[in-house]
C-alpha atoms as a PDB file:
ATOM      1  CA  MET A   1      17.891 -18.853  50.386  1.00  0.00           C
ATOM      2  CA  ASN A   2      19.051 -20.606  47.203  1.00  0.00           C
ATOM      3  CA  ILE A   3      15.944 -22.601  46.970  1.00  0.00           C
ATOM      4  CA  SER A   4      13.879 -19.349  47.053  1.00  0.00           C
ATOM      5  CA  THR A   5      16.061 -17.821  44.191  1.00  0.00           C
ATOM      6  CA  ASN A   6      15.829 -20.976  42.084  1.00  0.00           C
ATOM      7  CA  THR A   7      12.194 -20.869  42.478  1.00  0.00           C
ATOM      8  CA  MET A   8      11.695 -17.358  41.637  1.00  0.00           C
ATOM      9  CA  THR A   9      13.876 -18.002  38.554  1.00  0.00           C
ATOM     10  CA  ALA A  10      11.889 -20.993  37.416  1.00  0.00           C
ATOM     11  CA  LEU A  11       8.558 -18.958  37.664  1.00  0.00           C
ATOM     12  CA  HIS A  12      10.021 -16.216  35.774  1.00  0.00           C
ATOM     13  CA  LEU A  13      11.122 -18.455  32.928  1.00  0.00           C
ATOM     14  CA  TRP A  14       7.772 -20.145  32.933  1.00  0.00           C
ATOM     15  CA  ARG A  15       6.183 -16.849  32.780  1.00  0.00           C
ATOM     16  CA  GLU A  16       8.150 -15.659  29.835  1.00  0.00           C
ATOM     17  CA  ARG A  17       7.763 -18.853  28.031  1.00  0.00           C
ATOM     18  CA  ALA A  18       3.684 -18.799  28.722  1.00  0.00           C
ATOM     19  CA  ILE A  19       3.889 -15.160  27.454  1.00  0.00           C
ATOM     20  CA  HIS A  20       5.746 -16.134  24.266  1.00  0.00           C
ATOM     21  CA  LEU A  21       3.398 -18.924  23.643  1.00  0.00           C
ATOM     22  CA  LEU A  22       0.292 -16.692  24.074  1.00  0.00           C
ATOM     23  CA  ASP A  23       1.827 -14.069  21.598  1.00  0.00           C
ATOM     24  CA  SER A  24       2.746 -16.716  19.011  1.00  0.00           C
ATOM     25  CA  ALA A  25      -0.790 -18.122  19.163  1.00  0.00           C
ATOM     26  CA  GLY A  26      -2.367 -14.692  18.990  1.00  0.00           C
ATOM     27  CA  ALA A  27      -0.292 -13.954  16.122  1.00  0.00           C
ATOM     28  CA  LEU A  28      -1.301 -17.308  14.423  1.00  0.00           C
ATOM     29  CA  LEU A  29      -4.771 -16.586  15.070  1.00  0.00           C
ATOM     30  CA  LEU A  30      -4.663 -13.298  13.574  1.00  0.00           C
ATOM     31  CA  ALA A  31      -2.743 -14.684  10.506  1.00  0.00           C
ATOM     32  CA  LEU A  32      -5.387 -17.194   9.905  1.00  0.00           C
ATOM     33  CA  LEU A  33      -8.223 -14.853  10.199  1.00  0.00           C
ATOM     34  CA  TRP A  34      -6.599 -12.530   7.475  1.00  0.00           C
ATOM     35  CA  ILE A  35      -5.585 -15.292   5.088  1.00  0.00           C
ATOM     36  CA  THR A  36      -9.074 -17.192   5.250  1.00  0.00           C
ATOM     37  CA  PRO A  37     -10.603 -15.084   2.503  1.00  0.00           C
ATOM     38  CA  LEU A  38      -7.642 -15.626   0.321  1.00  0.00           C
ATOM     39  CA  LEU A  39      -7.899 -19.243   1.054  1.00  0.00           C
ATOM     40  CA  PHE A  40     -11.499 -19.534   0.170  1.00  0.00           C
ATOM     41  CA  ALA A  41     -11.218 -17.680  -2.925  1.00  0.00           C
ATOM     42  CA  THR A  42      -8.285 -19.880  -4.162  1.00  0.00           C
ATOM     43  CA  TRP A  43     -10.666 -23.164  -3.157  1.00  0.00           C
ATOM     44  CA  ALA A  44     -13.436 -21.429  -5.129  1.00  0.00           C
ATOM     45  CA  ALA A  45     -11.330 -20.620  -8.218  1.00  0.00           C
ATOM     46  CA  LEU A  46      -9.989 -24.137  -8.408  1.00  0.00           C
ATOM     47  CA  ARG A  47     -13.294 -25.637  -8.138  1.00  0.00           C
ATOM     48  CA  THR A  48     -16.270 -26.114 -10.559  1.00  0.00           C
ATOM     49  CA  PRO A  49     -19.329 -24.014  -9.835  1.00  0.00           C
ATOM     50  CA  GLU A  50     -21.274 -26.824  -8.237  1.00  0.00           C
ATOM     51  CA  ALA A  51     -18.267 -27.661  -6.201  1.00  0.00           C
ATOM     52  CA  ALA A  52     -17.306 -24.345  -5.019  1.00  0.00           C
ATOM     53  CA  LEU A  53     -19.097 -24.614  -1.492  1.00  0.00           C
ATOM     54  CA  GLY A  54     -18.463 -28.054  -1.040  1.00  0.00           C
ATOM     55  CA  PHE A  55     -15.529 -29.842   0.709  1.00  0.00           C
ATOM     56  CA  ASP A  56     -15.257 -32.851  -1.514  1.00  0.00           C
ATOM     57  CA  TRP A  57     -11.425 -33.226  -2.210  1.00  0.00           C
ATOM     58  CA  GLN A  58     -11.972 -36.256  -4.552  1.00  0.00           C
ATOM     59  CA  GLN A  59     -13.714 -34.268  -7.350  1.00  0.00           C
ATOM     60  CA  GLY A  60     -14.620 -31.003  -8.765  1.00  0.00           C
ATOM     61  CA  TRP A  61     -10.948 -29.667  -9.543  1.00  0.00           C
ATOM     62  CA  THR A  62     -10.589 -27.235 -12.561  1.00  0.00           C
ATOM     63  CA  LEU A  63      -8.808 -24.308 -14.145  1.00  0.00           C
ATOM     64  CA  ASP A  64     -11.683 -23.487 -16.690  1.00  0.00           C
ATOM     65  CA  ASN A  65     -12.548 -20.650 -14.229  1.00  0.00           C
ATOM     66  CA  PHE A  66      -9.436 -18.557 -14.924  1.00  0.00           C
ATOM     67  CA  VAL A  67     -10.168 -18.909 -18.780  1.00  0.00           C
ATOM     68  CA  GLN A  68     -13.786 -18.026 -18.292  1.00  0.00           C
ATOM     69  CA  ALA A  69     -13.175 -15.141 -15.954  1.00  0.00           C
ATOM     70  CA  TRP A  70     -10.341 -13.706 -18.196  1.00  0.00           C
ATOM     71  CA  ALA A  71     -12.910 -13.690 -21.327  1.00  0.00           C
ATOM     72  CA  ARG A  72     -15.755 -11.946 -19.745  1.00  0.00           C
ATOM     73  CA  ALA A  73     -14.105  -8.709 -18.815  1.00  0.00           C
ATOM     74  CA  PRO A  74     -11.429  -6.490 -20.275  1.00  0.00           C
ATOM     75  CA  TRP A  75      -8.829  -7.227 -17.718  1.00  0.00           C
ATOM     76  CA  PRO A  76      -5.754  -6.337 -19.773  1.00  0.00           C
ATOM     77  CA  ARG A  77      -7.133  -2.851 -20.038  1.00  0.00           C
ATOM     78  CA  TYR A  78      -7.954  -2.959 -16.189  1.00  0.00           C
ATOM     79  CA  PHE A  79      -4.276  -4.310 -15.391  1.00  0.00           C
ATOM     80  CA  LEU A  80      -2.830  -1.320 -17.754  1.00  0.00           C
ATOM     81  CA  ASN A  81      -5.124   1.304 -16.026  1.00  0.00           C
ATOM     82  CA  THR A  82      -4.109   0.219 -12.591  1.00  0.00           C
ATOM     83  CA  THR A  83      -0.402   0.112 -13.438  1.00  0.00           C
ATOM     84  CA  LEU A  84      -0.589   3.593 -14.805  1.00  0.00           C
ATOM     85  CA  LEU A  85      -2.783   4.880 -12.016  1.00  0.00           C
ATOM     86  CA  VAL A  86      -0.354   3.480  -9.306  1.00  0.00           C
ATOM     87  CA  GLY A  87       2.685   4.912 -11.082  1.00  0.00           C
ATOM     88  CA  LEU A  88       1.319   8.184 -11.656  1.00  0.00           C
ATOM     89  CA  ILE A  89       0.391   8.384  -7.826  1.00  0.00           C
ATOM     90  CA  LEU A  90       3.939   7.264  -6.793  1.00  0.00           C
ATOM     91  CA  ALA A  91       5.924   9.645  -9.137  1.00  0.00           C
ATOM     92  CA  GLY A  92       3.692  12.664  -7.835  1.00  0.00           C
ATOM     93  CA  GLN A  93       4.116  11.561  -4.282  1.00  0.00           C
ATOM     94  CA  PHE A  94       8.024  11.140  -4.604  1.00  0.00           C
ATOM     95  CA  LEU A  95       8.284  14.716  -6.109  1.00  0.00           C
ATOM     96  CA  LEU A  96       5.999  16.664  -4.002  1.00  0.00           C
ATOM     97  CA  CYS A  97       6.947  14.734  -0.805  1.00  0.00           C
ATOM     98  CA  THR A  98      10.573  15.182  -1.506  1.00  0.00           C
ATOM     99  CA  LEU A  99      10.520  18.907  -1.996  1.00  0.00           C
ATOM    100  CA  ALA A 100       8.148  19.623   0.964  1.00  0.00           C
ATOM    101  CA  ALA A 101      10.255  17.326   3.386  1.00  0.00           C
ATOM    102  CA  TYR A 102      13.388  18.977   2.149  1.00  0.00           C
ATOM    103  CA  ALA A 103      12.076  22.371   3.009  1.00  0.00           C
ATOM    104  CA  PHE A 104      10.565  21.485   6.258  1.00  0.00           C
ATOM    105  CA  ALA A 105      13.945  19.551   7.354  1.00  0.00           C
ATOM    106  CA  ARG A 106      16.421  22.037   6.219  1.00  0.00           C
ATOM    107  CA  PHE A 107      15.116  25.530   5.707  1.00  0.00           C
ATOM    108  CA  GLU A 108      13.747  28.270   7.955  1.00  0.00           C
ATOM    109  CA  PHE A 109      10.511  30.241   6.860  1.00  0.00           C
ATOM    110  CA  PRO A 110       7.770  32.000   8.723  1.00  0.00           C
ATOM    111  CA  GLY A 111       5.093  29.842  10.016  1.00  0.00           C
ATOM    112  CA  LYS A 112       7.086  26.601   9.415  1.00  0.00           C
ATOM    113  CA  GLN A 113       5.881  24.618  12.271  1.00  0.00           C
ATOM    114  CA  ALA A 114       2.402  25.741  11.859  1.00  0.00           C
ATOM    115  CA  VAL A 115       2.121  24.723   8.230  1.00  0.00           C
ATOM    116  CA  PHE A 116       3.744  21.554   9.282  1.00  0.00           C
ATOM    117  CA  LEU A 117       1.255  20.924  11.994  1.00  0.00           C
ATOM    118  CA  LEU A 118      -1.628  21.585   9.466  1.00  0.00           C
ATOM    119  CA  ILE A 119       0.076  18.911   7.090  1.00  0.00           C
ATOM    120  CA  LEU A 120       0.217  16.388  10.022  1.00  0.00           C
ATOM    121  CA  ALA A 121      -3.469  17.143  10.641  1.00  0.00           C
ATOM    122  CA  GLN A 122      -4.353  15.441   7.362  1.00  0.00           C
ATOM    123  CA  LEU A 123      -3.372  12.245   8.983  1.00  0.00           C
ATOM    124  CA  PHE A 124      -6.579  12.417  10.972  1.00  0.00           C
ATOM    125  CA  ILE A 125      -8.959  13.024   8.327  1.00  0.00           C
ATOM    126  CA  LEU A 126     -10.199   9.984   6.227  1.00  0.00           C
ATOM    127  CA  PRO A 127      -9.916  10.303   2.452  1.00  0.00           C
ATOM    128  CA  GLU A 128     -13.780   9.270   2.313  1.00  0.00           C
ATOM    129  CA  VAL A 129     -14.429  12.967   4.057  1.00  0.00           C
ATOM    130  CA  LEU A 130     -12.927  14.619   1.334  1.00  0.00           C
ATOM    131  CA  ILE A 131     -14.892  12.723  -1.646  1.00  0.00           C
ATOM    132  CA  VAL A 132     -17.327  15.583  -2.171  1.00  0.00           C
ATOM    133  CA  GLU A 133     -15.074  18.512  -2.264  1.00  0.00           C
ATOM    134  CA  ASN A 134     -12.403  16.420  -4.263  1.00  0.00           C
ATOM    135  CA  TYR A 135     -14.949  15.392  -7.010  1.00  0.00           C
ATOM    136  CA  ALA A 136     -16.280  19.106  -6.959  1.00  0.00           C
ATOM    137  CA  THR A 137     -12.512  20.240  -7.783  1.00  0.00           C
ATOM    138  CA  VAL A 138     -11.813  17.420 -10.259  1.00  0.00           C
ATOM    139  CA  ALA A 139     -14.911  18.246 -11.907  1.00  0.00           C
ATOM    140  CA  ARG A 140     -14.101  22.009 -12.328  1.00  0.00           C
ATOM    141  CA  LEU A 141     -10.620  21.036 -13.625  1.00  0.00           C
ATOM    142  CA  GLY A 142     -12.416  18.626 -16.320  1.00  0.00           C
ATOM    143  CA  TRP A 143     -10.683  15.414 -15.030  1.00  0.00           C
ATOM    144  CA  ILE A 144     -13.847  13.141 -14.473  1.00  0.00           C
ATOM    145  CA  ASP A 145     -13.411   9.568 -15.804  1.00  0.00           C
ATOM    146  CA  SER A 146      -9.545  10.040 -16.134  1.00  0.00           C
ATOM    147  CA  LEU A 147      -6.316   8.569 -14.436  1.00  0.00           C
ATOM    148  CA  LEU A 148      -5.302  12.271 -13.706  1.00  0.00           C
ATOM    149  CA  GLY A 149      -8.402  12.708 -11.925  1.00  0.00           C
ATOM    150  CA  MET A 150      -7.914   9.549  -9.855  1.00  0.00           C
ATOM    151  CA  GLY A 151      -4.548  10.100  -8.948  1.00  0.00           C
ATOM    152  CA  VAL A 152      -4.055  13.768  -7.990  1.00  0.00           C
ATOM    153  CA  PRO A 153      -5.967  13.809  -4.669  1.00  0.00           C
ATOM    154  CA  TYR A 154      -3.496  11.227  -3.256  1.00  0.00           C
ATOM    155  CA  MET A 155      -0.057  12.987  -4.367  1.00  0.00           C
ATOM    156  CA  ALA A 156       0.387  15.117  -1.629  1.00  0.00           C
ATOM    157  CA  SER A 157       0.923  12.615   1.065  1.00  0.00           C
ATOM    158  CA  ALA A 158       1.088  13.763   4.609  1.00  0.00           C
ATOM    159  CA  PHE A 159       2.440  10.429   5.749  1.00  0.00           C
ATOM    160  CA  GLY A 160       5.243  10.839   2.930  1.00  0.00           C
ATOM    161  CA  ILE A 161       6.191  14.298   4.145  1.00  0.00           C
ATOM    162  CA  PHE A 162       6.434  13.402   7.452  1.00  0.00           C
ATOM    163  CA  LEU A 163       8.660  10.114   6.795  1.00  0.00           C
ATOM    164  CA  LEU A 164      10.890  11.969   4.652  1.00  0.00           C
ATOM    165  CA  ARG A 165      11.139  14.855   6.700  1.00  0.00           C
ATOM    166  CA  GLN A 166      12.334  12.656   9.632  1.00  0.00           C
ATOM    167  CA  THR A 167      14.872  10.959   7.483  1.00  0.00           C
ATOM    168  CA  PHE A 168      16.526  14.088   6.181  1.00  0.00           C
ATOM    169  CA  MET A 169      16.590  15.725   9.539  1.00  0.00           C
ATOM    170  CA  GLN A 170      19.038  12.481  10.523  1.00  0.00           C
ATOM    171  CA  VAL A 171      21.544  13.250   7.492  1.00  0.00           C
ATOM    172  CA  PRO A 172      24.584  14.976   8.980  1.00  0.00           C
ATOM    173  CA  ARG A 173      25.181  18.659   8.196  1.00  0.00           C
ATOM    174  CA  GLU A 174      28.552  17.794   7.028  1.00  0.00           C
ATOM    175  CA  LEU A 175      27.583  15.999   4.149  1.00  0.00           C
ATOM    176  CA  GLU A 176      25.632  18.960   2.942  1.00  0.00           C
ATOM    177  CA  ASP A 177      28.368  21.325   3.403  1.00  0.00           C
ATOM    178  CA  ALA A 178      30.950  19.147   1.683  1.00  0.00           C
ATOM    179  CA  ALA A 179      28.499  18.856  -1.236  1.00  0.00           C
ATOM    180  CA  ARG A 180      28.235  22.649  -1.177  1.00  0.00           C
ATOM    181  CA  ILE A 181      31.953  22.982  -1.268  1.00  0.00           C
ATOM    182  CA  GLU A 182      32.026  20.755  -4.342  1.00  0.00           C
ATOM    183  CA  GLY A 183      29.734  23.298  -5.980  1.00  0.00           C
ATOM    184  CA  CYS A 184      26.374  21.770  -5.588  1.00  0.00           C
ATOM    185  CA  GLY A 185      23.580  24.144  -5.242  1.00  0.00           C
ATOM    186  CA  MET A 186      20.213  23.733  -3.330  1.00  0.00           C
ATOM    187  CA  MET A 187      18.793  21.131  -5.679  1.00  0.00           C
ATOM    188  CA  GLY A 188      22.136  19.444  -6.268  1.00  0.00           C
ATOM    189  CA  VAL A 189      22.525  18.917  -2.534  1.00  0.00           C
ATOM    190  CA  LEU A 190      18.916  17.331  -2.460  1.00  0.00           C
ATOM    191  CA  TRP A 191      19.847  15.166  -5.320  1.00  0.00           C
ATOM    192  CA  ARG A 192      23.242  14.007  -4.330  1.00  0.00           C
ATOM    193  CA  VAL A 193      22.989  13.839  -0.565  1.00  0.00           C
ATOM    194  CA  TYR A 194      19.521  13.561   0.738  1.00  0.00           C
ATOM    195  CA  ILE A 195      17.884  11.344  -1.724  1.00  0.00           C
ATOM    196  CA  PRO A 196      20.503   8.609  -1.634  1.00  0.00           C
ATOM    197  CA  ALA A 197      20.677   8.748   2.214  1.00  0.00           C
ATOM    198  CA  ALA A 198      17.006   8.137   2.126  1.00  0.00           C
ATOM    199  CA  ARG A 199      16.804   5.346  -0.432  1.00  0.00           C
ATOM    200  CA  PRO A 200      15.374   2.343   1.993  1.00  0.00           C
ATOM    201  CA  VAL A 201      12.872   4.864   3.177  1.00  0.00           C
ATOM    202  CA  TYR A 202      11.816   5.695  -0.481  1.00  0.00           C
ATOM    203  CA  ILE A 203      11.616   1.861  -0.972  1.00  0.00           C
ATOM    204  CA  ALA A 204       9.601   1.311   1.990  1.00  0.00           C
ATOM    205  CA  TYR A 205       7.352   4.284   1.252  1.00  0.00           C
ATOM    206  CA  ALA A 206       6.903   2.939  -2.582  1.00  0.00           C
ATOM    207  CA  LEU A 207       5.955  -0.443  -1.349  1.00  0.00           C
ATOM    208  CA  VAL A 208       3.103   0.673   0.863  1.00  0.00           C
ATOM    209  CA  SER A 209       1.812   3.267  -1.588  1.00  0.00           C
ATOM    210  CA  VAL A 210       1.656   0.871  -4.476  1.00  0.00           C
ATOM    211  CA  ALA A 211      -0.203  -1.676  -2.286  1.00  0.00           C
ATOM    212  CA  THR A 212      -2.534   0.945  -1.080  1.00  0.00           C
ATOM    213  CA  HIS A 213      -3.612   2.442  -4.433  1.00  0.00           C
ATOM    214  CA  TRP A 214      -3.520  -0.893  -6.244  1.00  0.00           C
ATOM    215  CA  ASN A 215      -6.333  -1.910  -3.636  1.00  0.00           C
ATOM    216  CA  ASN A 216      -8.054   1.527  -3.732  1.00  0.00           C
ATOM    217  CA  PHE A 217     -11.798   1.207  -4.568  1.00  0.00           C
ATOM    218  CA  LEU A 218     -14.165   3.958  -3.510  1.00  0.00           C
ATOM    219  CA  TRP A 219     -12.667   6.979  -5.143  1.00  0.00           C
ATOM    220  CA  PRO A 220     -11.944   5.423  -8.399  1.00  0.00           C
ATOM    221  CA  LEU A 221     -15.487   4.202  -8.502  1.00  0.00           C
ATOM    222  CA  VAL A 222     -16.822   7.593  -8.212  1.00  0.00           C
ATOM    223  CA  ILE A 223     -14.488   9.117 -10.853  1.00  0.00           C
ATOM    224  CA  SER A 224     -14.669   6.503 -13.356  1.00  0.00           C
ATOM    225  CA  SER A 225     -17.170   5.761 -15.688  1.00  0.00           C
ATOM    226  CA  THR A 226     -15.929   3.698 -18.673  1.00  0.00           C
ATOM    227  CA  ASP A 227     -13.638   0.782 -19.174  1.00  0.00           C
ATOM    228  CA  SER A 228     -10.714   3.003 -20.518  1.00  0.00           C
ATOM    229  CA  THR A 229     -10.294   4.318 -16.940  1.00  0.00           C
ATOM    230  CA  ARG A 230     -11.417   1.757 -14.647  1.00  0.00           C
ATOM    231  CA  PRO A 231      -8.869   0.120 -12.430  1.00  0.00           C
ATOM    232  CA  LEU A 232      -8.809  -3.551 -11.363  1.00  0.00           C
ATOM    233  CA  THR A 233     -10.758  -3.002  -8.075  1.00  0.00           C
ATOM    234  CA  VAL A 234     -13.647  -1.316  -9.931  1.00  0.00           C
ATOM    235  CA  GLY A 235     -13.671  -3.535 -12.610  1.00  0.00           C
ATOM    236  CA  LEU A 236     -13.767  -6.645 -10.164  1.00  0.00           C
ATOM    237  CA  SER A 237     -16.657  -5.082  -8.155  1.00  0.00           C
ATOM    238  CA  LEU A 238     -18.836  -4.858 -11.762  1.00  0.00           C
ATOM    239  CA  PHE A 239     -17.502  -8.565 -12.693  1.00  0.00           C
ATOM    240  CA  GLY A 240     -18.912  -9.759  -9.323  1.00  0.00           C
ATOM    241  CA  ALA A 241     -22.036  -7.712  -9.095  1.00  0.00           C
ATOM    242  CA  PRO A 242     -25.290  -9.803  -8.829  1.00  0.00           C
ATOM    243  CA  GLU A 243     -26.862  -8.542 -11.796  1.00  0.00           C
ATOM    244  CA  SER A 244     -23.872 -10.046 -14.033  1.00  0.00           C
ATOM    245  CA  GLY A 245     -24.809 -13.320 -13.000  1.00  0.00           C
ATOM    246  CA  VAL A 246     -21.274 -14.443 -12.254  1.00  0.00           C
ATOM    247  CA  ASN A 247     -20.718 -17.465  -9.971  1.00  0.00           C
ATOM    248  CA  ILE A 248     -18.560 -17.709  -7.006  1.00  0.00           C
ATOM    249  CA  ALA A 249     -16.016 -19.833  -8.791  1.00  0.00           C
ATOM    250  CA  LEU A 250     -15.430 -17.195 -11.323  1.00  0.00           C
ATOM    251  CA  ILE A 251     -15.422 -14.368  -8.793  1.00  0.00           C
ATOM    252  CA  GLY A 252     -12.595 -16.397  -7.014  1.00  0.00           C
ATOM    253  CA  ALA A 253     -10.745 -16.795 -10.218  1.00  0.00           C
ATOM    254  CA  ALA A 254     -10.941 -13.115 -11.129  1.00  0.00           C
ATOM    255  CA  THR A 255      -9.978 -12.028  -7.446  1.00  0.00           C
ATOM    256  CA  LEU A 256      -6.909 -13.995  -7.538  1.00  0.00           C
ATOM    257  CA  MET A 257      -6.143 -12.447 -10.853  1.00  0.00           C
ATOM    258  CA  THR A 258      -6.544  -9.170  -9.305  1.00  0.00           C
ATOM    259  CA  VAL A 259      -4.174  -9.735  -6.240  1.00  0.00           C
ATOM    260  CA  ALA A 260      -1.543 -12.217  -8.038  1.00  0.00           C
ATOM    261  CA  PRO A 261       0.837  -9.371  -9.035  1.00  0.00           C
ATOM    262  CA  LEU A 262       0.899  -7.817  -5.317  1.00  0.00           C
ATOM    263  CA  LEU A 263       1.554 -11.338  -4.010  1.00  0.00           C
ATOM    264  CA  ILE A 264       4.057 -12.202  -6.712  1.00  0.00           C
ATOM    265  CA  GLY A 265       5.748  -8.965  -6.076  1.00  0.00           C
ATOM    266  CA  PHE A 266       5.776  -9.295  -2.341  1.00  0.00           C
ATOM    267  CA  LEU A 267       7.424 -13.059  -2.492  1.00  0.00           C
ATOM    268  CA  ILE A 268       9.958 -11.534  -4.835  1.00  0.00           C
ATOM    269  CA  PHE A 269      10.781  -8.700  -2.762  1.00  0.00           C
ATOM    270  CA  GLN A 270      10.058  -9.928   0.597  1.00  0.00           C
ATOM    271  CA  ARG A 271      13.581  -9.435   1.989  1.00  0.00           C
ATOM    272  CA  GLN A 272      13.878  -6.076   0.674  1.00  0.00           C
ATOM    273  CA  PHE A 273      10.613  -5.344   1.795  1.00  0.00           C
ATOM    274  CA  ILE A 274      11.543  -6.456   5.392  1.00  0.00           C
ATOM    275  CA  GLN A 275      14.903  -4.714   5.326  1.00  0.00           C
ATOM    276  CA  ALA A 276      13.746  -1.509   4.146  1.00  0.00           C
ATOM    277  CA  PHE A 277      11.056  -1.239   6.850  1.00  0.00           C
ATOM    278  CA  LEU A 278      13.683  -2.155   9.394  1.00  0.00           C
ATOM    279  CA  ARG A 279      15.976   0.620   7.973  1.00  0.00           C
ATOM    280  CA  ALA A 280      13.062   3.121   7.601  1.00  0.00           C
ATOM    281  CA  GLY A 281      12.250   3.351  11.467  1.00  0.00           C
ATOM    282  CA  ILE A 282      11.368   6.848  12.611  1.00  0.00           C
ATOM    283  CA  ARG A 283      14.095   7.811  15.131  1.00  0.00           C
END
């Protein structure tokens, strides 16, 4: 009996170790597939045009690609446009999503559940499906080729409303009652009770929003037509267009310059990034 029990225990431990090894191997494979384009861009950016596609480690190293790439396009303007665009979208999302989530979490009004379900339905609609209608709306408002026209369609985020609503619903009612006893009104309760309680969620959402809209390409490509409004993604696509005659080494250097702020930001705030998502779980 003891031998049978020991055998089953050993088999169970072996199976758990095998599953763990398979999970680790799969995660490593996915990580390698994900990082391969970045590694190739780094390799090409640090090599001369003639050596960019070769594998000779002895020669062909250079940093001139970054200097040449920087001089061939208005990158400072692209960086400024992208920063302003991301900040505009994030500010609009924080404002609209906070107010909407507060209303859905703490107030009762006719059609509340139906309206909330309609907002959730937006999660199943790809942004590309709405490009034509969004373009017509932005054109009627006169916002073509403007940062406002690029940012407004993304400010009412269904995901942000849902995430903040779930977080606000976890805040104890006693805190709200205590704030009202202290003389806080409706907006005072929101500002002094709910927003501080949801700070980790705001951090997590901000990181996702910044990364998403920093890399957004299709809608800015449709809306922008001059360098005064083009973000980095559109500028990079024009820089690497075949008709521009730019080689792979310069494209690799420009790509690294484009993604460098996100990579540096993630490395600096890596701990806060992980902790924010661990604390922002939907319960």
